[in-house]
Amino acid sequence: LSLYSSLKVFTVEGWYEIPDFTAKQASSTLAFLTVVYFMLILLTGGILGLSLVNSIFVDAMVSDNNNELVKKVDELSAKIDELLKK
């Protein structure tokens, strides 16, 4: 009950009314399972989903940065080779 109350506080948009409506029309066991189902959807969809999307963006930014660094290192290596030849 406390987790579900926290869910209501953190989801300001009011979509928590869906499980409330479903729970009012069902037996106590089905109402409990409905609340647990929606909490699991929120946790897995919100936390894991956002973490996955965030990790994809970070990976893309880091790989772009690495490509630029590799190019610069290659240019510096070529310049050092030219200076050593002279």
PDB file of N, CA and C in Angstrom:
ATOM      1  N   LEU A   1       0.828  -1.195   0.000  1.00  0.00           N
ATOM      2  CA  LEU A   1       0.000   0.000   0.000  1.00  0.00           C
ATOM      3  C   LEU A   1       0.869   1.253   0.000  1.00  0.00           C
ATOM      4  N   SER A   2       1.959   1.219   0.760  1.00  0.00           N
ATOM      5  CA  SER A   2       2.829   2.400   0.809  1.00  0.00           C
ATOM      6  C   SER A   2       3.539   2.615  -0.525  1.00  0.00           C
ATOM      7  N   LEU A   3       3.951   1.521  -1.189  1.00  0.00           N
ATOM      8  CA  LEU A   3       4.567   1.667  -2.515  1.00  0.00           C
ATOM      9  C   LEU A   3       3.584   2.251  -3.513  1.00  0.00           C
ATOM     10  N   TYR A   4       2.356   1.800  -3.438  1.00  0.00           N
ATOM     11  CA  TYR A   4       1.346   2.318  -4.359  1.00  0.00           C
ATOM     12  C   TYR A   4       1.030   3.782  -4.062  1.00  0.00           C
ATOM     13  N   SER A   5       1.045   4.162  -2.808  1.00  0.00           N
ATOM     14  CA  SER A   5       0.843   5.569  -2.455  1.00  0.00           C
ATOM     15  C   SER A   5       1.981   6.423  -2.992  1.00  0.00           C
ATOM     16  N   SER A   6       3.196   5.913  -2.915  1.00  0.00           N
ATOM     17  CA  SER A   6       4.344   6.621  -3.496  1.00  0.00           C
ATOM     18  C   SER A   6       4.185   6.731  -5.000  1.00  0.00           C
ATOM     19  N   LEU A   7       3.691   5.684  -5.636  1.00  0.00           N
ATOM     20  CA  LEU A   7       3.436   5.712  -7.070  1.00  0.00           C
ATOM     21  C   LEU A   7       2.461   6.829  -7.419  1.00  0.00           C
ATOM     22  N   LYS A   8       1.419   6.975  -6.632  1.00  0.00           N
ATOM     23  CA  LYS A   8       0.433   8.030  -6.880  1.00  0.00           C
ATOM     24  C   LYS A   8       1.061   9.420  -6.738  1.00  0.00           C
ATOM     25  N   VAL A   9       1.945   9.567  -5.775  1.00  0.00           N
ATOM     26  CA  VAL A   9       2.571  10.871  -5.553  1.00  0.00           C
ATOM     27  C   VAL A   9       3.519  11.212  -6.709  1.00  0.00           C
ATOM     28  N   PHE A  10       4.281  10.236  -7.168  1.00  0.00           N
ATOM     29  CA  PHE A  10       5.284  10.500  -8.197  1.00  0.00           C
ATOM     30  C   PHE A  10       4.702  10.584  -9.598  1.00  0.00           C
ATOM     31  N   THR A  11       3.568   9.952  -9.843  1.00  0.00           N
ATOM     32  CA  THR A  11       2.937  10.043 -11.158  1.00  0.00           C
ATOM     33  C   THR A  11       1.861  11.104 -11.098  1.00  0.00           C
ATOM     34  N   VAL A  12       2.259  12.308 -11.359  1.00  0.00           N
ATOM     35  CA  VAL A  12       1.388  13.467 -11.206  1.00  0.00           C
ATOM     36  C   VAL A  12       0.313  13.520 -12.291  1.00  0.00           C
ATOM     37  N   GLU A  13       0.554  12.898 -13.430  1.00  0.00           N
ATOM     38  CA  GLU A  13      -0.330  13.055 -14.570  1.00  0.00           C
ATOM     39  C   GLU A  13      -1.703  12.431 -14.386  1.00  0.00           C
ATOM     40  N   GLY A  14      -1.894  11.595 -13.400  1.00  0.00           N
ATOM     41  CA  GLY A  14      -3.207  11.075 -13.084  1.00  0.00           C
ATOM     42  C   GLY A  14      -3.543   9.749 -13.744  1.00  0.00           C
ATOM     43  N   TRP A  15      -2.585   9.082 -14.351  1.00  0.00           N
ATOM     44  CA  TRP A  15      -2.899   7.797 -14.983  1.00  0.00           C
ATOM     45  C   TRP A  15      -3.103   6.703 -13.951  1.00  0.00           C
ATOM     46  N   TYR A  16      -2.779   6.977 -12.683  1.00  0.00           N
ATOM     47  CA  TYR A  16      -3.006   5.994 -11.629  1.00  0.00           C
ATOM     48  C   TYR A  16      -4.497   5.751 -11.396  1.00  0.00           C
ATOM     49  N   GLU A  17      -5.350   6.574 -12.002  1.00  0.00           N
ATOM     50  CA  GLU A  17      -6.795   6.376 -11.859  1.00  0.00           C
ATOM     51  C   GLU A  17      -7.250   5.079 -12.535  1.00  0.00           C
ATOM     52  N   ILE A  18      -6.504   4.604 -13.525  1.00  0.00           N
ATOM     53  CA  ILE A  18      -6.868   3.372 -14.223  1.00  0.00           C
ATOM     54  C   ILE A  18      -6.836   2.170 -13.278  1.00  0.00           C
ATOM     55  N   PRO A  19      -5.710   1.920 -12.579  1.00  0.00           N
ATOM     56  CA  PRO A  19      -5.746   0.782 -11.652  1.00  0.00           C
ATOM     57  C   PRO A  19      -6.709   1.000 -10.478  1.00  0.00           C
ATOM     58  N   ASP A  20      -6.896   2.253 -10.067  1.00  0.00           N
ATOM     59  CA  ASP A  20      -7.860   2.511  -8.996  1.00  0.00           C
ATOM     60  C   ASP A  20      -9.265   2.113  -9.430  1.00  0.00           C
ATOM     61  N   PHE A  21      -9.633   2.494 -10.636  1.00  0.00           N
ATOM     62  CA  PHE A  21     -10.960   2.158 -11.154  1.00  0.00           C
ATOM     63  C   PHE A  21     -11.114   0.646 -11.284  1.00  0.00           C
ATOM     64  N   THR A  22     -10.071  -0.013 -11.785  1.00  0.00           N
ATOM     65  CA  THR A  22     -10.113  -1.472 -11.945  1.00  0.00           C
ATOM     66  C   THR A  22     -10.183  -2.163 -10.584  1.00  0.00           C
ATOM     67  N   ALA A  23      -9.428  -1.674  -9.627  1.00  0.00           N
ATOM     68  CA  ALA A  23      -9.393  -2.295  -8.302  1.00  0.00           C
ATOM     69  C   ALA A  23     -10.723  -2.148  -7.565  1.00  0.00           C
ATOM     70  N   LYS A  24     -11.431  -1.035  -7.797  1.00  0.00           N
ATOM     71  CA  LYS A  24     -12.717  -0.832  -7.119  1.00  0.00           C
ATOM     72  C   LYS A  24     -13.777  -1.819  -7.604  1.00  0.00           C
ATOM     73  N   GLN A  25     -13.643  -2.271  -8.850  1.00  0.00           N
ATOM     74  CA  GLN A  25     -14.654  -3.151  -9.417  1.00  0.00           C
ATOM     75  C   GLN A  25     -14.294  -4.627  -9.291  1.00  0.00           C
ATOM     76  N   ALA A  26     -13.189  -4.957  -8.642  1.00  0.00           N
ATOM     77  CA  ALA A  26     -12.736  -6.342  -8.560  1.00  0.00           C
ATOM     78  C   ALA A  26     -12.699  -6.801  -7.109  1.00  0.00           C
ATOM     79  N   SER A  27     -12.438  -8.085  -6.944  1.00  0.00           N
ATOM     80  CA  SER A  27     -12.286  -8.629  -5.596  1.00  0.00           C
ATOM     81  C   SER A  27     -10.988  -8.113  -4.978  1.00  0.00           C
ATOM     82  N   SER A  28     -10.800  -8.342  -3.707  1.00  0.00           N
ATOM     83  CA  SER A  28      -9.616  -7.809  -3.026  1.00  0.00           C
ATOM     84  C   SER A  28      -8.327  -8.426  -3.568  1.00  0.00           C
ATOM     85  N   THR A  29      -8.350  -9.703  -3.924  1.00  0.00           N
ATOM     86  CA  THR A  29      -7.153 -10.341  -4.476  1.00  0.00           C
ATOM     87  C   THR A  29      -6.816  -9.768  -5.850  1.00  0.00           C
ATOM     88  N   LEU A  30      -7.826  -9.633  -6.694  1.00  0.00           N
ATOM     89  CA  LEU A  30      -7.601  -9.075  -8.027  1.00  0.00           C
ATOM     90  C   LEU A  30      -7.201  -7.603  -7.944  1.00  0.00           C
ATOM     91  N   ALA A  31      -7.747  -6.882  -6.976  1.00  0.00           N
ATOM     92  CA  ALA A  31      -7.367  -5.475  -6.779  1.00  0.00           C
ATOM     93  C   ALA A  31      -5.896  -5.382  -6.397  1.00  0.00           C
ATOM     94  N   PHE A  32      -5.454  -6.256  -5.511  1.00  0.00           N
ATOM     95  CA  PHE A  32      -4.048  -6.262  -5.112  1.00  0.00           C
ATOM     96  C   PHE A  32      -3.148  -6.596  -6.298  1.00  0.00           C
ATOM     97  N   LEU A  33      -3.529  -7.597  -7.074  1.00  0.00           N
ATOM     98  CA  LEU A  33      -2.732  -7.979  -8.247  1.00  0.00           C
ATOM     99  C   LEU A  33      -2.697  -6.860  -9.294  1.00  0.00           C
ATOM    100  N   THR A  34      -3.787  -6.138  -9.429  1.00  0.00           N
ATOM    101  CA  THR A  34      -3.823  -5.006 -10.360  1.00  0.00           C
ATOM    102  C   THR A  34      -2.842  -3.926  -9.930  1.00  0.00           C
ATOM    103  N   VAL A  35      -2.842  -3.613  -8.651  1.00  0.00           N
ATOM    104  CA  VAL A  35      -1.922  -2.596  -8.130  1.00  0.00           C
ATOM    105  C   VAL A  35      -0.473  -3.048  -8.308  1.00  0.00           C
ATOM    106  N   VAL A  36      -0.195  -4.305  -7.999  1.00  0.00           N
ATOM    107  CA  VAL A  36       1.168  -4.828  -8.159  1.00  0.00           C
ATOM    108  C   VAL A  36       1.579  -4.798  -9.620  1.00  0.00           C
ATOM    109  N   TYR A  37       0.675  -5.166 -10.515  1.00  0.00           N
ATOM    110  CA  TYR A  37       0.966  -5.150 -11.945  1.00  0.00           C
ATOM    111  C   TYR A  37       1.348  -3.749 -12.416  1.00  0.00           C
ATOM    112  N   PHE A  38       0.586  -2.747 -12.037  1.00  0.00           N
ATOM    113  CA  PHE A  38       0.882  -1.386 -12.460  1.00  0.00           C
ATOM    114  C   PHE A  38       2.173  -0.859 -11.845  1.00  0.00           C
ATOM    115  N   MET A  39       2.470  -1.264 -10.611  1.00  0.00           N
ATOM    116  CA  MET A  39       3.745  -0.852 -10.013  1.00  0.00           C
ATOM    117  C   MET A  39       4.912  -1.479 -10.762  1.00  0.00           C
ATOM    118  N   LEU A  40       4.775  -2.759 -11.135  1.00  0.00           N
ATOM    119  CA  LEU A  40       5.843  -3.414 -11.897  1.00  0.00           C
ATOM    120  C   LEU A  40       6.020  -2.776 -13.265  1.00  0.00           C
ATOM    121  N   ILE A  41       4.924  -2.434 -13.905  1.00  0.00           N
ATOM    122  CA  ILE A  41       5.008  -1.758 -15.207  1.00  0.00           C
ATOM    123  C   ILE A  41       5.738  -0.427 -15.060  1.00  0.00           C
ATOM    124  N   LEU A  42       5.413   0.312 -14.036  1.00  0.00           N
ATOM    125  CA  LEU A  42       6.071   1.600 -13.822  1.00  0.00           C
ATOM    126  C   LEU A  42       7.561   1.415 -13.564  1.00  0.00           C
ATOM    127  N   LEU A  43       7.901   0.476 -12.700  1.00  0.00           N
ATOM    128  CA  LEU A  43       9.303   0.283 -12.355  1.00  0.00           C
ATOM    129  C   LEU A  43      10.116  -0.239 -13.536  1.00  0.00           C
ATOM    130  N   THR A  44       9.599  -1.257 -14.202  1.00  0.00           N
ATOM    131  CA  THR A  44      10.364  -1.817 -15.322  1.00  0.00           C
ATOM    132  C   THR A  44      10.374  -0.876 -16.507  1.00  0.00           C
ATOM    133  N   GLY A  45       9.244  -0.289 -16.813  1.00  0.00           N
ATOM    134  CA  GLY A  45       9.185   0.622 -17.952  1.00  0.00           C
ATOM    135  C   GLY A  45       9.920   1.917 -17.699  1.00  0.00           C
ATOM    136  N   GLY A  46       9.749   2.443 -16.523  1.00  0.00           N
ATOM    137  CA  GLY A  46      10.377   3.728 -16.213  1.00  0.00           C
ATOM    138  C   GLY A  46      11.859   3.622 -15.950  1.00  0.00           C
ATOM    139  N   ILE A  47      12.217   2.780 -15.032  1.00  0.00           N
ATOM    140  CA  ILE A  47      13.620   2.703 -14.626  1.00  0.00           C
ATOM    141  C   ILE A  47      14.459   1.985 -15.675  1.00  0.00           C
ATOM    142  N   LEU A  48      14.059   0.789 -16.041  1.00  0.00           N
ATOM    143  CA  LEU A  48      14.854   0.040 -17.016  1.00  0.00           C
ATOM    144  C   LEU A  48      14.793   0.668 -18.395  1.00  0.00           C
ATOM    145  N   GLY A  49      13.605   1.113 -18.787  1.00  0.00           N
ATOM    146  CA  GLY A  49      13.471   1.729 -20.103  1.00  0.00           C
ATOM    147  C   GLY A  49      14.298   2.988 -20.231  1.00  0.00           C
ATOM    148  N   LEU A  50      14.225   3.857 -19.250  1.00  0.00           N
ATOM    149  CA  LEU A  50      14.999   5.088 -19.311  1.00  0.00           C
ATOM    150  C   LEU A  50      16.490   4.815 -19.187  1.00  0.00           C
ATOM    151  N   SER A  51      16.856   3.829 -18.400  1.00  0.00           N
ATOM    152  CA  SER A  51      18.264   3.486 -18.288  1.00  0.00           C
ATOM    153  C   SER A  51      18.804   2.961 -19.609  1.00  0.00           C
ATOM    154  N   LEU A  52      18.016   2.163 -20.284  1.00  0.00           N
ATOM    155  CA  LEU A  52      18.435   1.619 -21.571  1.00  0.00           C
ATOM    156  C   LEU A  52      18.588   2.729 -22.606  1.00  0.00           C
ATOM    157  N   VAL A  53      17.612   3.607 -22.678  1.00  0.00           N
ATOM    158  CA  VAL A  53      17.684   4.721 -23.629  1.00  0.00           C
ATOM    159  C   VAL A  53      18.859   5.622 -23.297  1.00  0.00           C
ATOM    160  N   ASN A  54      19.048   5.912 -22.024  1.00  0.00           N
ATOM    161  CA  ASN A  54      20.165   6.753 -21.603  1.00  0.00           C
ATOM    162  C   ASN A  54      21.500   6.116 -21.950  1.00  0.00           C
ATOM    163  N   SER A  55      21.633   4.817 -21.745  1.00  0.00           N
ATOM    164  CA  SER A  55      22.896   4.149 -22.057  1.00  0.00           C
ATOM    165  C   SER A  55      23.167   4.157 -23.558  1.00  0.00           C
ATOM    166  N   ILE A  56      22.143   4.066 -24.378  1.00  0.00           N
ATOM    167  CA  ILE A  56      22.329   4.120 -25.832  1.00  0.00           C
ATOM    168  C   ILE A  56      22.834   5.495 -26.240  1.00  0.00           C
ATOM    169  N   PHE A  57      22.253   6.561 -25.691  1.00  0.00           N
ATOM    170  CA  PHE A  57      22.698   7.903 -26.023  1.00  0.00           C
ATOM    171  C   PHE A  57      24.135   8.159 -25.561  1.00  0.00           C
ATOM    172  N   VAL A  58      24.449   7.731 -24.351  1.00  0.00           N
ATOM    173  CA  VAL A  58      25.800   7.928 -23.831  1.00  0.00           C
ATOM    174  C   VAL A  58      26.805   7.152 -24.666  1.00  0.00           C
ATOM    175  N   ASP A  59      26.474   5.925 -25.040  1.00  0.00           N
ATOM    176  CA  ASP A  59      27.358   5.121 -25.862  1.00  0.00           C
ATOM    177  C   ASP A  59      27.594   5.781 -27.217  1.00  0.00           C
ATOM    178  N   ALA A  60      26.547   6.335 -27.802  1.00  0.00           N
ATOM    179  CA  ALA A  60      26.690   7.014 -29.095  1.00  0.00           C
ATOM    180  C   ALA A  60      27.582   8.250 -28.967  1.00  0.00           C
ATOM    181  N   MET A  61      27.416   9.007 -27.901  1.00  0.00           N
ATOM    182  CA  MET A  61      28.238  10.200 -27.720  1.00  0.00           C
ATOM    183  C   MET A  61      29.701   9.835 -27.473  1.00  0.00           C
ATOM    184  N   VAL A  62      29.935   8.799 -26.681  1.00  0.00           N
ATOM    185  CA  VAL A  62      31.299   8.396 -26.372  1.00  0.00           C
ATOM    186  C   VAL A  62      31.988   7.832 -27.607  1.00  0.00           C
ATOM    187  N   SER A  63      31.275   7.044 -28.400  1.00  0.00           N
ATOM    188  CA  SER A  63      31.900   6.466 -29.589  1.00  0.00           C
ATOM    189  C   SER A  63      32.228   7.551 -30.605  1.00  0.00           C
ATOM    190  N   ASP A  64      31.379   8.578 -30.728  1.00  0.00           N
ATOM    191  CA  ASP A  64      31.691   9.693 -31.615  1.00  0.00           C
ATOM    192  C   ASP A  64      32.945  10.414 -31.149  1.00  0.00           C
ATOM    193  N   ASN A  65      33.058  10.606 -29.862  1.00  0.00           N
ATOM    194  CA  ASN A  65      34.222  11.273 -29.294  1.00  0.00           C
ATOM    195  C   ASN A  65      35.475  10.433 -29.510  1.00  0.00           C
ATOM    196  N   ASN A  66      35.371   9.131 -29.382  1.00  0.00           N
ATOM    197  CA  ASN A  66      36.519   8.251 -29.580  1.00  0.00           C
ATOM    198  C   ASN A  66      37.012   8.287 -31.020  1.00  0.00           C
ATOM    199  N   ASN A  67      36.103   8.372 -31.980  1.00  0.00           N
ATOM    200  CA  ASN A  67      36.501   8.434 -33.377  1.00  0.00           C
ATOM    201  C   ASN A  67      37.327   9.679 -33.654  1.00  0.00           C
ATOM    202  N   GLU A  68      36.925  10.799 -33.091  1.00  0.00           N
ATOM    203  CA  GLU A  68      37.678  12.037 -33.271  1.00  0.00           C
ATOM    204  C   GLU A  68      39.059  11.927 -32.621  1.00  0.00           C
ATOM    205  N   LEU A  69      39.126  11.328 -31.447  1.00  0.00           N
ATOM    206  CA  LEU A  69      40.410  11.177 -30.768  1.00  0.00           C
ATOM    207  C   LEU A  69      41.341  10.254 -31.547  1.00  0.00           C
ATOM    208  N   VAL A  70      40.808   9.198 -32.133  1.00  0.00           N
ATOM    209  CA  VAL A  70      41.630   8.286 -32.933  1.00  0.00           C
ATOM    210  C   VAL A  70      42.194   9.017 -34.140  1.00  0.00           C
ATOM    211  N   LYS A  71      41.393   9.828 -34.791  1.00  0.00           N
ATOM    212  CA  LYS A  71      41.871  10.606 -35.938  1.00  0.00           C
ATOM    213  C   LYS A  71      42.998  11.551 -35.518  1.00  0.00           C
ATOM    214  N   LYS A  72      42.840  12.224 -34.392  1.00  0.00           N
ATOM    215  CA  LYS A  72      43.864  13.158 -33.922  1.00  0.00           C
ATOM    216  C   LYS A  72      45.157  12.423 -33.556  1.00  0.00           C
ATOM    217  N   VAL A  73      45.030  11.261 -32.930  1.00  0.00           N
ATOM    218  CA  VAL A  73      46.218  10.480 -32.580  1.00  0.00           C
ATOM    219  C   VAL A  73      46.935  10.019 -33.843  1.00  0.00           C
ATOM    220  N   ASP A  74      46.184   9.602 -34.856  1.00  0.00           N
ATOM    221  CA  ASP A  74      46.791   9.187 -36.119  1.00  0.00           C
ATOM    222  C   ASP A  74      47.520  10.348 -36.789  1.00  0.00           C
ATOM    223  N   GLU A  75      46.914  11.537 -36.764  1.00  0.00           N
ATOM    224  CA  GLU A  75      47.562  12.721 -37.347  1.00  0.00           C
ATOM    225  C   GLU A  75      48.845  13.055 -36.593  1.00  0.00           C
ATOM    226  N   LEU A  76      48.798  13.006 -35.272  1.00  0.00           N
ATOM    227  CA  LEU A  76      49.992  13.295 -34.480  1.00  0.00           C
ATOM    228  C   LEU A  76      51.081  12.249 -34.713  1.00  0.00           C
ATOM    229  N   SER A  77      50.703  11.009 -34.851  1.00  0.00           N
ATOM    230  CA  SER A  77      51.684   9.956 -35.130  1.00  0.00           C
ATOM    231  C   SER A  77      52.354  10.181 -36.472  1.00  0.00           C
ATOM    232  N   ALA A  78      51.578  10.581 -37.465  1.00  0.00           N
ATOM    233  CA  ALA A  78      52.146  10.860 -38.792  1.00  0.00           C
ATOM    234  C   ALA A  78      53.105  12.046 -38.721  1.00  0.00           C
ATOM    235  N   LYS A  79      52.771  13.073 -37.977  1.00  0.00           N
ATOM    236  CA  LYS A  79      53.644  14.240 -37.847  1.00  0.00           C
ATOM    237  C   LYS A  79      54.935  13.870 -37.108  1.00  0.00           C
ATOM    238  N   ILE A  80      54.821  13.038 -36.089  1.00  0.00           N
ATOM    239  CA  ILE A  80      56.005  12.602 -35.353  1.00  0.00           C
ATOM    240  C   ILE A  80      56.910  11.779 -36.250  1.00  0.00           C
ATOM    241  N   ASP A  81      56.324  10.910 -37.060  1.00  0.00           N
ATOM    242  CA  ASP A  81      57.113  10.100 -38.008  1.00  0.00           C
ATOM    243  C   ASP A  81      57.849  11.002 -38.987  1.00  0.00           C
ATOM    244  N   GLU A  82      57.187  12.067 -39.486  1.00  0.00           N
ATOM    245  CA  GLU A  82      57.827  12.996 -40.422  1.00  0.00           C
ATOM    246  C   GLU A  82      58.992  13.714 -39.730  1.00  0.00           C
ATOM    247  N   LEU A  83      58.783  14.146 -38.480  1.00  0.00           N
ATOM    248  CA  LEU A  83      59.838  14.838 -37.762  1.00  0.00           C
ATOM    249  C   LEU A  83      61.019  13.911 -37.472  1.00  0.00           C
ATOM    250  N   LEU A  84      60.760  12.656 -37.182  1.00  0.00           N
ATOM    251  CA  LEU A  84      61.835  11.705 -36.917  1.00  0.00           C
ATOM    252  C   LEU A  84      62.642  11.415 -38.181  1.00  0.00           C
ATOM    253  N   LYS A  85      61.985  11.401 -39.327  1.00  0.00           N
ATOM    254  CA  LYS A  85      62.680  11.169 -40.591  1.00  0.00           C
ATOM    255  C   LYS A  85      63.625  12.312 -40.919  1.00  0.00           C
ATOM    256  N   LYS A  86      63.252  13.542 -40.549  1.00  0.00           N
ATOM    257  CA  LYS A  86      64.082  14.716 -40.819  1.00  0.00           C
ATOM    258  C   LYS A  86      65.241  14.703 -39.869  1.00  0.00           C
TER     259      LYS A  86
END
